Amino acid sequence: MEEITYGHDMTVDRCTNCKGIWFDLGEAEELKGKWMSEFVDSGNPDVGKEYNKIEDVDCPRCGKRMEKVSDPKQPHIWYEACAEHGMYFDAGEFTDYKYETLLDKFRDLVTGKRS
């Protein structure tokens, strides 16, 4: 992981291999509303889609298996979450999470919610 700083007050961790992003509790929600914050998500979304197929992902903080959850507003986005420490987005997912578009509404219909 490498540390990526947004502005002067927020640092997130990005995987040097797949470019997925780890957000400590509350960071993703806070960064979502900040101008130009999508630039922390510099990975290839196609690579992110491949990594998103991996079901068993452990929390980088505590090592416990994270839960695979879908975003309530955009159910086509499936990320990993540790209730105690934070959430992990594969490459491209944070940018998608930040912007809700008409195409996203279509994706939600096609992809559906995670079972």
Protein backbone atom coordinates (compact mmCIF):
# COMPACT_ATOMS: atom_id res chain seq x y z
CA MET A 1 0.00 0.00 0.00
CA GLU A 2 1.04 3.57 -0.65
CA GLU A 3 -0.34 6.63 1.07
CA ILE A 4 -2.21 9.10 -1.13
CA THR A 5 -2.92 12.54 0.31
CA TYR A 6 -5.92 14.59 -0.69
CA GLY A 7 -5.57 18.25 0.23
CA HIS A 8 -3.81 18.86 3.52
CA ASP A 9 -5.90 16.78 5.86
CA MET A 10 -6.79 13.37 4.40
CA THR A 11 -4.63 10.38 3.55
CA VAL A 12 -5.97 7.14 2.08
CA ASP A 13 -4.11 3.94 1.22
CA ARG A 14 -3.87 2.66 -2.35
CA CYS A 15 -2.61 -0.77 -3.38
CA THR A 16 0.56 -0.46 -5.44
CA ASN A 17 -0.42 -3.56 -7.42
CA CYS A 18 -4.14 -3.35 -8.27
CA LYS A 19 -4.71 0.35 -7.36
CA GLY A 20 -7.65 -0.48 -5.08
CA ILE A 21 -8.23 2.06 -2.28
CA TRP A 22 -8.58 1.50 1.48
CA PHE A 23 -10.61 4.10 3.39
CA ASP A 24 -10.60 4.21 7.18
CA LEU A 25 -14.07 4.60 8.75
CA GLY A 26 -15.83 7.71 7.42
CA GLU A 27 -13.14 8.69 4.90
CA ALA A 28 -14.95 7.49 1.75
CA GLU A 29 -18.13 9.34 2.68
CA GLU A 30 -16.17 12.50 3.49
CA LEU A 31 -14.02 12.34 0.37
CA LYS A 32 -17.06 11.65 -1.82
CA GLY A 33 -18.22 15.25 -1.36
CA LYS A 34 -14.86 16.88 -2.01
CA TRP A 35 -13.95 18.55 -5.28
CA MET A 36 -11.68 16.51 -7.58
CA SER A 37 -11.36 13.69 -5.03
CA GLU A 38 -11.88 11.07 -7.74
CA PHE A 39 -8.23 11.55 -8.69
CA VAL A 40 -7.20 9.31 -5.77
CA ASP A 41 -8.84 6.53 -7.84
CA SER A 42 -6.20 6.27 -10.56
CA GLY A 43 -6.47 2.56 -11.26
CA ASN A 44 -7.86 0.86 -14.35
CA PRO A 45 -11.57 0.08 -13.82
CA ASP A 46 -11.26 -3.06 -15.99
CA VAL A 47 -8.61 -4.40 -13.60
CA GLY A 48 -10.86 -3.41 -10.69
CA LYS A 49 -13.74 -5.46 -12.17
CA GLU A 50 -11.51 -8.54 -12.21
CA TYR A 51 -10.44 -8.02 -8.59
CA ASN A 52 -14.07 -7.43 -7.62
CA LYS A 53 -14.74 -11.12 -8.40
CA ILE A 54 -12.56 -12.14 -5.44
CA GLU A 55 -14.89 -13.07 -2.59
CA ASP A 56 -12.52 -13.61 0.35
CA VAL A 57 -10.81 -10.33 1.25
CA ASP A 58 -9.27 -9.69 4.67
CA CYS A 59 -9.18 -6.32 6.43
CA PRO A 60 -5.71 -4.78 6.12
CA ARG A 61 -6.01 -3.45 9.69
CA CYS A 62 -7.23 -6.47 11.72
CA GLY A 63 -6.96 -9.39 9.30
CA LYS A 64 -10.60 -10.46 9.72
CA ARG A 65 -12.62 -11.42 6.65
CA MET A 66 -14.47 -8.38 5.31
CA GLU A 67 -18.10 -8.41 4.26
CA LYS A 68 -18.90 -7.84 0.58
CA VAL A 69 -21.65 -5.20 0.51
CA SER A 70 -23.45 -3.14 -2.10
CA ASP A 71 -23.89 0.59 -1.85
CA PRO A 72 -27.50 1.39 -0.82
CA LYS A 73 -27.82 4.21 -3.37
CA GLN A 74 -25.98 2.41 -6.18
CA PRO A 75 -26.42 -1.33 -5.67
CA HIS A 76 -24.25 -2.21 -8.67
CA ILE A 77 -21.21 -1.08 -6.62
CA TRP A 78 -19.95 -3.97 -4.48
CA TYR A 79 -17.14 -3.16 -2.09
CA GLU A 80 -15.57 -4.83 0.93
CA ALA A 81 -16.19 -3.48 4.42
CA CYS A 82 -14.83 -4.07 7.91
CA ALA A 83 -17.33 -2.77 10.47
CA GLU A 84 -14.49 -1.86 12.83
CA HIS A 85 -11.99 -0.27 10.46
CA GLY A 86 -13.25 0.86 7.05
CA MET A 87 -13.95 -0.04 3.45
CA TYR A 88 -12.06 -1.13 0.37
CA PHE A 89 -12.92 -0.13 -3.20
CA ASP A 90 -11.41 -1.87 -6.22
CA ALA A 91 -9.92 0.36 -8.93
CA GLY A 92 -12.63 2.52 -10.49
CA GLU A 93 -15.24 1.88 -7.79
CA PHE A 94 -14.66 5.08 -5.82
CA THR A 95 -15.15 7.23 -8.93
CA ASP A 96 -18.38 5.35 -9.66
CA TYR A 97 -19.40 5.73 -5.98
CA LYS A 98 -18.81 9.47 -6.15
CA TYR A 99 -20.90 10.10 -9.26
CA GLU A 100 -24.44 8.76 -9.65
CA THR A 101 -25.48 8.99 -13.30
CA LEU A 102 -28.34 7.84 -15.49
CA LEU A 103 -26.08 5.02 -16.68
CA ASP A 104 -25.70 3.94 -13.04
CA LYS A 105 -29.49 3.64 -12.72
CA PHE A 106 -29.43 1.32 -15.75
CA ARG A 107 -26.53 -0.68 -14.26
CA ASP A 108 -28.51 -1.09 -11.05
CA LEU A 109 -31.39 -2.62 -13.00
CA VAL A 110 -29.12 -4.98 -14.95
CA THR A 111 -26.73 -5.96 -12.16
CA GLY A 112 -29.19 -6.04 -9.29
CA LYS A 113 -28.38 -6.30 -5.63
CA ARG A 114 -25.79 -8.70 -4.26
CA SER A 115 -27.36 -11.79 -2.74
